[in-house]
Amino acid sequence: MKEKPLIIIGNGGHSRVLVDILQLQKRDIIGFVAPDHEVNPYQIPYLGKDNNILEYSPKEIELINAIGSVTNTDLRKNLFEYFKSKNYSFSNVIHPSAVISGSVTLGEGVQILAGSVIQAFSEIADNTIINTFASVDHDCEIGKHCHIAPGTILSGGITVGEGTHIGTGATVIQNVHIGKKVLIGAGSLVLHDIADNKKVYGTPAKEVSR
């Protein structure tokens, strides 16, 4: 089946990484939407603000959620859910250097960036980013709207709740359960379960105020 042309939501640093992958794969990019016409090194047409997407039929295009997240995934989630409510679909973006087991289950709008590894029987839910050189070992369950930041290491059997951000270079040992909307600081070592809505940091990781 022929791939549909794409519209990209956002024009920041994460967008540039995704565009690089999409151009490598020779995908057809109609243009991007953003609040302002920011600098665009790829010379992709600016289509206006987010709602300009509604001028295109959901049957004719797919969307790319190019909004990154440093500590909070709410904006990515809200955009994804808004356009899903309008019957639009989001394309997955997978770098050709990513290593993904054939038994892995991927949701919609998943982004798996360069050098990432996802091992057997893991599940990555909708609108989640597995960023550069992140490692997700066997039997992990990563919820919707999460961001597994560059260089993160998740051992086997880990559960990550919806909307959680795991910071750059963090390590989580096997069979740990991480709740929803958790923020794990960069470089942290997680040895125990973490409840919903917590912020943890350090080696070993301990709760800090949000």
N, C-alpha and C. Protein backbone atom coordinates (compact mmCIF):
# COMPACT_ATOMS: atom_id res chain seq x y z
N MET A 1 0.85 -1.20 0.00
CA MET A 1 0.00 0.00 0.00
C MET A 1 0.88 1.25 0.00
N LYS A 2 0.52 2.21 -0.85
CA LYS A 2 1.31 3.42 -0.97
C LYS A 2 1.25 4.24 0.31
N GLU A 3 2.43 4.74 0.73
CA GLU A 3 2.48 5.57 1.93
C GLU A 3 1.86 6.94 1.66
N LYS A 4 1.14 7.45 2.64
CA LYS A 4 0.51 8.75 2.50
C LYS A 4 1.51 9.87 2.74
N PRO A 5 1.31 11.04 2.13
CA PRO A 5 2.16 12.19 2.44
C PRO A 5 1.95 12.64 3.88
N LEU A 6 2.92 13.40 4.38
CA LEU A 6 2.98 13.72 5.80
C LEU A 6 2.90 15.22 6.05
N ILE A 7 2.29 15.58 7.18
CA ILE A 7 2.38 16.92 7.73
C ILE A 7 3.01 16.81 9.11
N ILE A 8 3.98 17.65 9.37
CA ILE A 8 4.73 17.62 10.61
C ILE A 8 4.21 18.69 11.56
N ILE A 9 3.95 18.30 12.80
CA ILE A 9 3.50 19.24 13.83
C ILE A 9 4.70 19.63 14.67
N GLY A 10 5.13 20.89 14.53
CA GLY A 10 6.28 21.37 15.29
C GLY A 10 7.48 21.64 14.41
N ASN A 11 8.38 22.48 14.92
CA ASN A 11 9.54 22.88 14.12
C ASN A 11 10.77 23.14 14.99
N GLY A 12 10.87 22.42 16.11
CA GLY A 12 12.03 22.57 16.98
C GLY A 12 13.08 21.52 16.72
N GLY A 13 13.92 21.27 17.72
CA GLY A 13 15.02 20.33 17.57
C GLY A 13 14.56 18.91 17.29
N HIS A 14 13.50 18.45 17.99
CA HIS A 14 13.02 17.09 17.77
C HIS A 14 12.49 16.95 16.34
N SER A 15 11.85 17.99 15.83
CA SER A 15 11.37 17.97 14.46
C SER A 15 12.52 17.76 13.48
N ARG A 16 13.63 18.41 13.71
CA ARG A 16 14.77 18.28 12.78
C ARG A 16 15.29 16.85 12.74
N VAL A 17 15.32 16.20 13.90
CA VAL A 17 15.76 14.80 13.94
C VAL A 17 14.81 13.92 13.12
N LEU A 18 13.50 14.14 13.30
CA LEU A 18 12.52 13.33 12.59
C LEU A 18 12.55 13.59 11.08
N VAL A 19 12.67 14.85 10.69
CA VAL A 19 12.74 15.18 9.27
C VAL A 19 13.95 14.52 8.63
N ASP A 20 15.06 14.49 9.33
CA ASP A 20 16.26 13.85 8.82
C ASP A 20 15.99 12.38 8.49
N ILE A 21 15.29 11.69 9.40
CA ILE A 21 14.94 10.28 9.16
C ILE A 21 13.98 10.15 7.99
N LEU A 22 12.96 10.99 7.96
CA LEU A 22 11.95 10.89 6.92
C LEU A 22 12.53 11.17 5.54
N GLN A 23 13.44 12.13 5.45
CA GLN A 23 14.07 12.41 4.17
C GLN A 23 15.00 11.27 3.76
N LEU A 24 15.67 10.65 4.73
CA LEU A 24 16.49 9.48 4.45
C LEU A 24 15.64 8.37 3.83
N GLN A 25 14.41 8.25 4.30
CA GLN A 25 13.50 7.23 3.81
C GLN A 25 12.68 7.69 2.61
N LYS A 26 12.96 8.92 2.16
CA LYS A 26 12.31 9.49 0.96
C LYS A 26 10.78 9.58 1.12
N ARG A 27 10.32 9.89 2.34
CA ARG A 27 8.89 10.12 2.56
C ARG A 27 8.50 11.49 1.98
N ASP A 28 7.27 11.57 1.57
CA ASP A 28 6.73 12.80 0.99
C ASP A 28 6.21 13.69 2.11
N ILE A 29 6.86 14.84 2.32
CA ILE A 29 6.49 15.78 3.37
C ILE A 29 5.83 16.99 2.73
N ILE A 30 4.54 17.19 3.02
CA ILE A 30 3.81 18.34 2.47
C ILE A 30 4.33 19.63 3.08
N GLY A 31 4.52 19.63 4.41
CA GLY A 31 4.97 20.83 5.10
C GLY A 31 4.84 20.64 6.60
N PHE A 32 5.02 21.74 7.33
CA PHE A 32 4.92 21.69 8.79
C PHE A 32 4.00 22.78 9.29
N VAL A 33 3.43 22.53 10.48
CA VAL A 33 2.64 23.55 11.18
C VAL A 33 3.34 23.89 12.49
N ALA A 34 3.22 25.15 12.90
CA ALA A 34 3.84 25.61 14.14
C ALA A 34 3.22 26.97 14.48
N PRO A 35 3.32 27.42 15.75
CA PRO A 35 2.75 28.72 16.12
C PRO A 35 3.35 29.87 15.32
N ASP A 36 4.64 29.76 14.98
CA ASP A 36 5.33 30.80 14.22
C ASP A 36 6.18 30.16 13.13
N HIS A 37 6.49 30.94 12.12
CA HIS A 37 7.34 30.46 11.04
C HIS A 37 8.79 30.59 11.49
N GLU A 38 9.26 29.58 12.21
CA GLU A 38 10.61 29.60 12.76
C GLU A 38 11.62 29.22 11.67
N VAL A 39 12.90 29.29 12.02
CA VAL A 39 13.95 28.89 11.09
C VAL A 39 13.77 27.43 10.72
N ASN A 40 13.83 27.14 9.43
CA ASN A 40 13.60 25.80 8.93
C ASN A 40 14.75 25.39 8.02
N PRO A 41 15.77 24.69 8.57
CA PRO A 41 16.96 24.38 7.76
C PRO A 41 16.68 23.43 6.61
N TYR A 42 15.55 22.72 6.63
CA TYR A 42 15.25 21.76 5.56
C TYR A 42 14.41 22.38 4.45
N GLN A 43 14.04 23.65 4.58
CA GLN A 43 13.26 24.34 3.55
C GLN A 43 11.93 23.64 3.25
N ILE A 44 11.30 23.14 4.29
CA ILE A 44 9.98 22.52 4.16
C ILE A 44 8.92 23.62 4.23
N PRO A 45 7.89 23.56 3.40
CA PRO A 45 6.87 24.63 3.41
C PRO A 45 6.19 24.79 4.77
N TYR A 46 5.96 26.03 5.13
CA TYR A 46 5.22 26.35 6.35
C TYR A 46 3.74 26.45 6.00
N LEU A 47 2.90 25.67 6.66
CA LEU A 47 1.49 25.59 6.34
C LEU A 47 0.60 26.43 7.24
N GLY A 48 1.20 27.03 8.28
CA GLY A 48 0.42 27.82 9.22
C GLY A 48 0.36 27.17 10.58
N LYS A 49 -0.66 27.51 11.35
CA LYS A 49 -0.80 26.98 12.71
C LYS A 49 -1.46 25.61 12.68
N ASP A 50 -1.54 24.98 13.87
CA ASP A 50 -1.95 23.58 13.95
C ASP A 50 -3.27 23.31 13.24
N ASN A 51 -4.25 24.20 13.41
CA ASN A 51 -5.57 23.94 12.85
C ASN A 51 -5.62 24.01 11.33
N ASN A 52 -4.56 24.48 10.69
CA ASN A 52 -4.50 24.43 9.24
C ASN A 52 -4.48 22.99 8.72
N ILE A 53 -4.12 22.06 9.59
CA ILE A 53 -4.17 20.65 9.22
C ILE A 53 -5.58 20.24 8.82
N LEU A 54 -6.58 20.89 9.42
CA LEU A 54 -7.98 20.52 9.17
C LEU A 54 -8.41 20.79 7.73
N GLU A 55 -7.58 21.53 6.98
CA GLU A 55 -7.87 21.76 5.56
C GLU A 55 -7.60 20.51 4.72
N TYR A 56 -6.91 19.53 5.30
CA TYR A 56 -6.55 18.30 4.59
C TYR A 56 -7.41 17.15 5.11
N SER A 57 -7.84 16.29 4.21
CA SER A 57 -8.66 15.15 4.60
C SER A 57 -7.84 14.13 5.39
N PRO A 58 -8.40 13.59 6.49
CA PRO A 58 -7.70 12.52 7.23
C PRO A 58 -7.43 11.28 6.37
N LYS A 59 -8.18 11.14 5.29
CA LYS A 59 -7.98 9.98 4.42
C LYS A 59 -6.78 10.14 3.50
N GLU A 60 -6.28 11.37 3.36
CA GLU A 60 -5.25 11.66 2.37
C GLU A 60 -3.86 11.86 2.95
N ILE A 61 -3.76 12.11 4.25
CA ILE A 61 -2.46 12.42 4.86
C ILE A 61 -2.29 11.64 6.17
N GLU A 62 -1.05 11.64 6.65
CA GLU A 62 -0.74 11.21 8.01
C GLU A 62 0.05 12.32 8.70
N LEU A 63 0.04 12.30 10.02
CA LEU A 63 0.70 13.33 10.80
C LEU A 63 1.95 12.78 11.49
N ILE A 64 2.87 13.68 11.75
CA ILE A 64 4.06 13.40 12.54
C ILE A 64 4.06 14.34 13.74
N ASN A 65 4.03 13.77 14.94
CA ASN A 65 4.05 14.59 16.15
C ASN A 65 5.51 14.90 16.49
N ALA A 66 5.95 16.09 16.09
CA ALA A 66 7.36 16.45 16.25
C ALA A 66 7.60 17.34 17.45
N ILE A 67 6.67 17.33 18.40
CA ILE A 67 6.85 18.06 19.65
C ILE A 67 7.69 17.20 20.59
N GLY A 68 8.83 17.70 21.00
CA GLY A 68 9.66 16.97 21.95
C GLY A 68 9.19 17.22 23.37
N SER A 69 9.90 16.64 24.34
CA SER A 69 9.58 16.90 25.74
C SER A 69 10.85 16.77 26.56
N VAL A 70 11.05 17.74 27.42
CA VAL A 70 12.22 17.72 28.31
C VAL A 70 11.83 17.19 29.69
N THR A 71 10.72 17.66 30.21
CA THR A 71 10.26 17.18 31.52
C THR A 71 8.79 16.80 31.52
N ASN A 72 8.01 17.30 30.56
CA ASN A 72 6.57 17.13 30.59
C ASN A 72 6.07 16.72 29.22
N THR A 73 5.28 15.65 29.16
CA THR A 73 4.79 15.13 27.88
C THR A 73 3.37 15.57 27.55
N ASP A 74 2.80 16.50 28.32
CA ASP A 74 1.39 16.85 28.16
C ASP A 74 1.08 17.45 26.78
N LEU A 75 1.94 18.32 26.27
CA LEU A 75 1.67 18.95 24.98
C LEU A 75 1.63 17.91 23.87
N ARG A 76 2.58 16.98 23.87
CA ARG A 76 2.56 15.90 22.88
C ARG A 76 1.26 15.11 22.97
N LYS A 77 0.88 14.78 24.19
CA LYS A 77 -0.35 14.01 24.40
C LYS A 77 -1.56 14.77 23.90
N ASN A 78 -1.68 16.05 24.26
CA ASN A 78 -2.86 16.83 23.89
C ASN A 78 -3.00 16.96 22.38
N LEU A 79 -1.89 17.19 21.68
CA LEU A 79 -1.94 17.30 20.23
C LEU A 79 -2.34 15.98 19.59
N PHE A 80 -1.76 14.90 20.09
CA PHE A 80 -2.07 13.57 19.56
C PHE A 80 -3.56 13.28 19.72
N GLU A 81 -4.08 13.49 20.92
CA GLU A 81 -5.48 13.15 21.19
C GLU A 81 -6.44 14.07 20.45
N TYR A 82 -6.07 15.34 20.29
CA TYR A 82 -6.93 16.27 19.55
C TYR A 82 -7.10 15.82 18.10
N PHE A 83 -5.99 15.53 17.44
CA PHE A 83 -6.08 15.16 16.03
C PHE A 83 -6.62 13.75 15.84
N LYS A 84 -6.43 12.88 16.80
CA LYS A 84 -7.09 11.57 16.73
C LYS A 84 -8.61 11.75 16.81
N SER A 85 -9.07 12.70 17.63
CA SER A 85 -10.51 12.95 17.75
C SER A 85 -11.10 13.47 16.44
N LYS A 86 -10.23 14.00 15.56
CA LYS A 86 -10.65 14.48 14.25
C LYS A 86 -10.40 13.43 13.16
N ASN A 87 -10.09 12.21 13.59
CA ASN A 87 -9.92 11.05 12.69
C ASN A 87 -8.62 11.04 11.90
N TYR A 88 -7.63 11.81 12.33
CA TYR A 88 -6.32 11.75 11.69
C TYR A 88 -5.50 10.61 12.27
N SER A 89 -4.54 10.13 11.48
CA SER A 89 -3.64 9.07 11.90
C SER A 89 -2.22 9.61 11.98
N PHE A 90 -1.43 9.01 12.86
CA PHE A 90 -0.04 9.39 13.03
C PHE A 90 0.88 8.28 12.53
N SER A 91 1.87 8.68 11.76
CA SER A 91 2.83 7.72 11.22
C SER A 91 3.92 7.42 12.24
N ASN A 92 4.35 6.17 12.29
CA ASN A 92 5.55 5.82 13.06
C ASN A 92 6.79 6.32 12.33
N VAL A 93 7.81 6.65 13.10
CA VAL A 93 9.11 7.05 12.54
C VAL A 93 10.17 6.16 13.18
N ILE A 94 10.82 5.36 12.36
CA ILE A 94 11.81 4.40 12.87
C ILE A 94 13.10 4.56 12.08
N HIS A 95 14.17 4.91 12.77
CA HIS A 95 15.46 5.06 12.10
C HIS A 95 15.95 3.70 11.63
N PRO A 96 16.54 3.62 10.45
CA PRO A 96 16.99 2.31 9.93
C PRO A 96 18.06 1.64 10.77
N SER A 97 18.76 2.38 11.62
CA SER A 97 19.77 1.76 12.48
C SER A 97 19.20 1.19 13.77
N ALA A 98 17.92 1.43 14.05
CA ALA A 98 17.30 0.87 15.25
C ALA A 98 17.19 -0.65 15.12
N VAL A 99 17.37 -1.35 16.24
CA VAL A 99 17.28 -2.81 16.28
C VAL A 99 16.02 -3.17 17.06
N ILE A 100 15.05 -3.78 16.39
CA ILE A 100 13.76 -4.06 17.00
C ILE A 100 13.42 -5.53 16.78
N SER A 101 13.22 -6.26 17.87
CA SER A 101 12.85 -7.67 17.76
C SER A 101 11.54 -7.81 16.99
N GLY A 102 11.43 -8.91 16.25
CA GLY A 102 10.21 -9.18 15.51
C GLY A 102 9.00 -9.44 16.39
N SER A 103 9.22 -9.69 17.67
CA SER A 103 8.11 -9.94 18.59
C SER A 103 7.65 -8.68 19.33
N VAL A 104 8.25 -7.54 19.02
CA VAL A 104 7.88 -6.28 19.66
C VAL A 104 6.56 -5.77 19.08
N THR A 105 5.72 -5.20 19.94
CA THR A 105 4.47 -4.58 19.52
C THR A 105 4.60 -3.06 19.59
N LEU A 106 4.29 -2.39 18.48
CA LEU A 106 4.39 -0.93 18.42
C LEU A 106 3.01 -0.33 18.22
N GLY A 107 2.72 0.73 18.97
CA GLY A 107 1.48 1.46 18.80
C GLY A 107 1.55 2.44 17.65
N GLU A 108 0.63 3.40 17.63
CA GLU A 108 0.56 4.41 16.57
C GLU A 108 1.37 5.64 16.96
N GLY A 109 2.07 6.20 15.98
CA GLY A 109 2.83 7.42 16.22
C GLY A 109 4.06 7.22 17.07
N VAL A 110 4.58 5.99 17.11
CA VAL A 110 5.79 5.69 17.88
C VAL A 110 7.01 6.20 17.11
N GLN A 111 7.98 6.73 17.84
CA GLN A 111 9.22 7.23 17.23
C GLN A 111 10.42 6.53 17.88
N ILE A 112 11.18 5.82 17.05
CA ILE A 112 12.32 5.05 17.54
C ILE A 112 13.55 5.56 16.79
N LEU A 113 14.44 6.22 17.51
CA LEU A 113 15.50 6.98 16.87
C LEU A 113 16.80 6.19 16.76
N ALA A 114 17.80 6.83 16.20
CA ALA A 114 19.03 6.16 15.77
C ALA A 114 19.71 5.39 16.90
N GLY A 115 20.09 4.14 16.61
CA GLY A 115 20.87 3.33 17.53
C GLY A 115 20.09 2.71 18.66
N SER A 116 18.78 2.90 18.71
CA SER A 116 17.99 2.32 19.79
C SER A 116 17.83 0.82 19.60
N VAL A 117 17.65 0.12 20.72
CA VAL A 117 17.45 -1.34 20.71
C VAL A 117 16.21 -1.65 21.53
N ILE A 118 15.30 -2.44 20.95
CA ILE A 118 14.11 -2.90 21.67
C ILE A 118 14.06 -4.42 21.55
N GLN A 119 14.12 -5.08 22.69
CA GLN A 119 14.26 -6.53 22.70
C GLN A 119 12.91 -7.26 22.79
N ALA A 120 13.00 -8.59 22.80
CA ALA A 120 11.86 -9.49 22.58
C ALA A 120 10.67 -9.21 23.49
N PHE A 121 9.48 -9.21 22.88
CA PHE A 121 8.18 -9.16 23.55
C PHE A 121 7.95 -7.89 24.36
N SER A 122 8.67 -6.85 24.03
CA SER A 122 8.36 -5.55 24.62
C SER A 122 7.20 -4.90 23.87
N GLU A 123 6.51 -3.97 24.54
CA GLU A 123 5.38 -3.26 23.95
C GLU A 123 5.60 -1.76 24.12
N ILE A 124 5.49 -1.04 23.01
CA ILE A 124 5.64 0.41 23.03
C ILE A 124 4.32 1.00 22.58
N ALA A 125 3.65 1.74 23.47
CA ALA A 125 2.31 2.24 23.17
C ALA A 125 2.34 3.54 22.37
N ASP A 126 1.15 4.01 22.00
CA ASP A 126 0.99 5.16 21.10
C ASP A 126 1.77 6.39 21.56
N ASN A 127 2.32 7.10 20.55
CA ASN A 127 2.86 8.45 20.74
C ASN A 127 4.05 8.50 21.70
N THR A 128 4.77 7.41 21.79
CA THR A 128 5.94 7.35 22.68
C THR A 128 7.24 7.49 21.88
N ILE A 129 8.21 8.19 22.47
CA ILE A 129 9.53 8.36 21.86
C ILE A 129 10.52 7.43 22.55
N ILE A 130 11.21 6.62 21.75
CA ILE A 130 12.39 5.89 22.22
C ILE A 130 13.57 6.60 21.56
N ASN A 131 14.27 7.41 22.31
CA ASN A 131 15.22 8.34 21.71
C ASN A 131 16.58 7.70 21.44
N THR A 132 17.49 8.50 20.94
CA THR A 132 18.77 8.04 20.42
C THR A 132 19.53 7.15 21.41
N PHE A 133 19.93 5.96 20.94
CA PHE A 133 20.73 5.01 21.72
C PHE A 133 20.07 4.58 23.03
N ALA A 134 18.75 4.66 23.11
CA ALA A 134 18.05 4.09 24.26
C ALA A 134 17.97 2.57 24.10
N SER A 135 17.98 1.86 25.23
CA SER A 135 17.93 0.40 25.22
C SER A 135 16.75 -0.08 26.06
N VAL A 136 15.84 -0.81 25.42
CA VAL A 136 14.67 -1.36 26.10
C VAL A 136 14.78 -2.88 26.01
N ASP A 137 14.99 -3.54 27.15
CA ASP A 137 15.23 -4.98 27.10
C ASP A 137 13.91 -5.74 27.07
N HIS A 138 13.99 -7.06 27.17
CA HIS A 138 12.85 -7.95 26.94
C HIS A 138 11.69 -7.69 27.88
N ASP A 139 10.48 -7.91 27.38
CA ASP A 139 9.24 -7.92 28.17
C ASP A 139 8.95 -6.61 28.90
N CYS A 140 9.40 -5.49 28.34
CA CYS A 140 9.04 -4.19 28.92
C CYS A 140 7.72 -3.72 28.33
N GLU A 141 6.96 -2.97 29.13
CA GLU A 141 5.71 -2.36 28.68
C GLU A 141 5.81 -0.85 28.90
N ILE A 142 5.89 -0.12 27.79
CA ILE A 142 6.02 1.33 27.85
C ILE A 142 4.68 1.94 27.44
N GLY A 143 4.08 2.74 28.32
CA GLY A 143 2.75 3.28 28.08
C GLY A 143 2.71 4.39 27.06
N LYS A 144 1.51 4.93 26.83
CA LYS A 144 1.31 6.01 25.87
C LYS A 144 2.00 7.29 26.32
N HIS A 145 2.42 8.06 25.32
CA HIS A 145 2.89 9.45 25.52
C HIS A 145 4.13 9.54 26.41
N CYS A 146 4.94 8.50 26.42
CA CYS A 146 6.18 8.52 27.21
C CYS A 146 7.34 9.04 26.38
N HIS A 147 8.39 9.45 27.07
CA HIS A 147 9.65 9.81 26.41
C HIS A 147 10.78 9.09 27.14
N ILE A 148 11.40 8.15 26.43
CA ILE A 148 12.58 7.45 26.94
C ILE A 148 13.76 8.15 26.30
N ALA A 149 14.44 8.99 27.05
CA ALA A 149 15.40 9.94 26.50
C ALA A 149 16.70 9.26 26.05
N PRO A 150 17.57 10.00 25.33
CA PRO A 150 18.79 9.40 24.79
C PRO A 150 19.63 8.69 25.85
N GLY A 151 20.12 7.51 25.48
CA GLY A 151 21.05 6.78 26.33
C GLY A 151 20.44 6.10 27.53
N THR A 152 19.13 6.11 27.66
CA THR A 152 18.46 5.44 28.78
C THR A 152 18.58 3.93 28.64
N ILE A 153 18.73 3.24 29.77
CA ILE A 153 18.81 1.78 29.78
C ILE A 153 17.68 1.24 30.64
N LEU A 154 16.78 0.48 30.03
CA LEU A 154 15.71 -0.20 30.75
C LEU A 154 15.99 -1.69 30.71
N SER A 155 16.19 -2.31 31.87
CA SER A 155 16.40 -3.75 31.94
C SER A 155 15.08 -4.48 31.70
N GLY A 156 15.12 -5.82 31.74
CA GLY A 156 13.95 -6.60 31.37
C GLY A 156 12.79 -6.48 32.34
N GLY A 157 11.57 -6.64 31.82
CA GLY A 157 10.38 -6.73 32.64
C GLY A 157 9.92 -5.45 33.29
N ILE A 158 10.30 -4.31 32.76
CA ILE A 158 9.94 -3.02 33.35
C ILE A 158 8.61 -2.54 32.79
N THR A 159 7.79 -1.94 33.65
CA THR A 159 6.55 -1.30 33.23
C THR A 159 6.68 0.21 33.45
N VAL A 160 6.33 0.99 32.42
CA VAL A 160 6.39 2.45 32.49
C VAL A 160 5.01 3.00 32.20
N GLY A 161 4.45 3.77 33.13
CA GLY A 161 3.10 4.29 32.98
C GLY A 161 3.00 5.44 32.01
N GLU A 162 1.78 5.73 31.59
CA GLU A 162 1.49 6.78 30.60
C GLU A 162 2.05 8.13 31.03
N GLY A 163 2.63 8.83 30.05
CA GLY A 163 3.07 10.21 30.26
C GLY A 163 4.34 10.37 31.06
N THR A 164 5.09 9.30 31.24
CA THR A 164 6.33 9.37 32.03
C THR A 164 7.51 9.80 31.16
N HIS A 165 8.40 10.59 31.75
CA HIS A 165 9.64 11.01 31.09
C HIS A 165 10.82 10.43 31.87
N ILE A 166 11.63 9.63 31.18
CA ILE A 166 12.84 9.07 31.79
C ILE A 166 14.03 9.78 31.17
N GLY A 167 14.77 10.53 31.99
CA GLY A 167 15.79 11.44 31.50
C GLY A 167 17.02 10.77 30.92
N THR A 168 17.78 11.55 30.20
CA THR A 168 18.96 11.10 29.48
C THR A 168 19.91 10.31 30.38
N GLY A 169 20.29 9.12 29.91
CA GLY A 169 21.29 8.32 30.60
C GLY A 169 20.83 7.65 31.87
N ALA A 170 19.54 7.67 32.17
CA ALA A 170 19.04 6.98 33.36
C ALA A 170 19.09 5.47 33.14
N THR A 171 19.21 4.73 34.25
CA THR A 171 19.22 3.27 34.22
C THR A 171 18.16 2.75 35.18
N VAL A 172 17.36 1.79 34.71
CA VAL A 172 16.32 1.19 35.55
C VAL A 172 16.57 -0.31 35.59
N ILE A 173 16.68 -0.88 36.80
CA ILE A 173 16.96 -2.31 36.91
C ILE A 173 15.71 -3.12 36.60
N GLN A 174 15.88 -4.43 36.47
CA GLN A 174 14.82 -5.32 36.01
C GLN A 174 13.61 -5.34 36.95
N ASN A 175 12.43 -5.54 36.31
CA ASN A 175 11.15 -5.79 36.98
C ASN A 175 10.65 -4.63 37.82
N VAL A 176 11.13 -3.43 37.58
CA VAL A 176 10.65 -2.25 38.29
C VAL A 176 9.37 -1.74 37.63
N HIS A 177 8.42 -1.31 38.45
CA HIS A 177 7.19 -0.68 37.95
C HIS A 177 7.29 0.83 38.19
N ILE A 178 7.16 1.59 37.08
CA ILE A 178 7.19 3.05 37.14
C ILE A 178 5.79 3.54 36.80
N GLY A 179 5.24 4.41 37.65
CA GLY A 179 3.86 4.85 37.49
C GLY A 179 3.66 5.85 36.38
N LYS A 180 2.45 6.43 36.34
CA LYS A 180 2.08 7.43 35.34
C LYS A 180 2.64 8.80 35.70
N LYS A 181 2.98 9.56 34.68
CA LYS A 181 3.43 10.95 34.81
C LYS A 181 4.57 11.09 35.82
N VAL A 182 5.48 10.16 35.76
CA VAL A 182 6.70 10.21 36.59
C VAL A 182 7.78 10.95 35.82
N LEU A 183 8.60 11.69 36.54
CA LEU A 183 9.78 12.34 35.96
C LEU A 183 11.02 11.76 36.63
N ILE A 184 11.86 11.10 35.83
CA ILE A 184 13.11 10.53 36.33
C ILE A 184 14.25 11.38 35.79
N GLY A 185 15.05 11.96 36.68
CA GLY A 185 16.12 12.86 36.28
C GLY A 185 17.22 12.18 35.50
N ALA A 186 17.92 12.96 34.70
CA ALA A 186 19.01 12.45 33.88
C ALA A 186 20.07 11.78 34.75
N GLY A 187 20.57 10.65 34.27
CA GLY A 187 21.65 9.94 34.96
C GLY A 187 21.24 9.19 36.20
N SER A 188 19.97 9.11 36.50
CA SER A 188 19.51 8.45 37.73
C SER A 188 19.62 6.93 37.62
N LEU A 189 19.72 6.27 38.77
CA LEU A 189 19.71 4.82 38.87
C LEU A 189 18.49 4.41 39.67
N VAL A 190 17.53 3.77 39.01
CA VAL A 190 16.26 3.42 39.64
C VAL A 190 16.31 1.96 40.08
N LEU A 191 16.18 1.73 41.40
CA LEU A 191 16.29 0.40 41.98
C LEU A 191 14.96 -0.12 42.53
N HIS A 192 13.95 0.75 42.65
CA HIS A 192 12.69 0.38 43.26
C HIS A 192 11.52 0.95 42.46
N ASP A 193 10.32 0.41 42.71
CA ASP A 193 9.11 0.93 42.06
C ASP A 193 8.91 2.41 42.39
N ILE A 194 8.25 3.11 41.46
CA ILE A 194 7.95 4.53 41.64
C ILE A 194 6.46 4.75 41.42
N ALA A 195 5.80 5.39 42.37
CA ALA A 195 4.36 5.63 42.27
C ALA A 195 4.06 6.74 41.26
N ASP A 196 2.78 6.88 40.91
CA ASP A 196 2.35 7.91 39.96
C ASP A 196 2.74 9.31 40.43
N ASN A 197 3.01 10.18 39.45
CA ASN A 197 3.20 11.62 39.68
C ASN A 197 4.39 11.98 40.56
N LYS A 198 5.38 11.11 40.59
CA LYS A 198 6.57 11.39 41.40
C LYS A 198 7.70 11.92 40.54
N LYS A 199 8.61 12.66 41.15
CA LYS A 199 9.86 13.08 40.53
C LYS A 199 11.00 12.48 41.33
N VAL A 200 11.89 11.76 40.67
CA VAL A 200 13.02 11.13 41.36
C VAL A 200 14.31 11.49 40.64
N TYR A 201 15.39 11.49 41.43
CA TYR A 201 16.69 11.84 40.86
C TYR A 201 17.79 11.27 41.75
N GLY A 202 18.91 10.87 41.13
CA GLY A 202 20.10 10.48 41.88
C GLY A 202 20.48 9.03 41.68
N THR A 203 21.58 8.63 42.35
CA THR A 203 22.10 7.26 42.27
C THR A 203 22.39 6.76 43.69
N PRO A 204 21.44 6.02 44.28
CA PRO A 204 20.16 5.59 43.70
C PRO A 204 19.14 6.73 43.68
N ALA A 205 18.12 6.58 42.83
CA ALA A 205 17.12 7.62 42.67
C ALA A 205 16.24 7.75 43.91
N LYS A 206 16.02 8.99 44.34
CA LYS A 206 15.16 9.29 45.47
C LYS A 206 14.18 10.38 45.09
N GLU A 207 13.03 10.38 45.77
CA GLU A 207 11.99 11.36 45.45
C GLU A 207 12.43 12.77 45.82
N VAL A 208 12.14 13.69 44.94
CA VAL A 208 12.37 15.12 45.20
C VAL A 208 11.08 15.86 44.89
N SER A 209 10.95 17.09 45.36
CA SER A 209 9.71 17.87 45.13
C SER A 209 9.65 18.30 43.67
N ARG A 210 8.42 18.38 43.16
CA ARG A 210 8.22 18.75 41.75
C ARG A 210 8.07 20.26 41.62
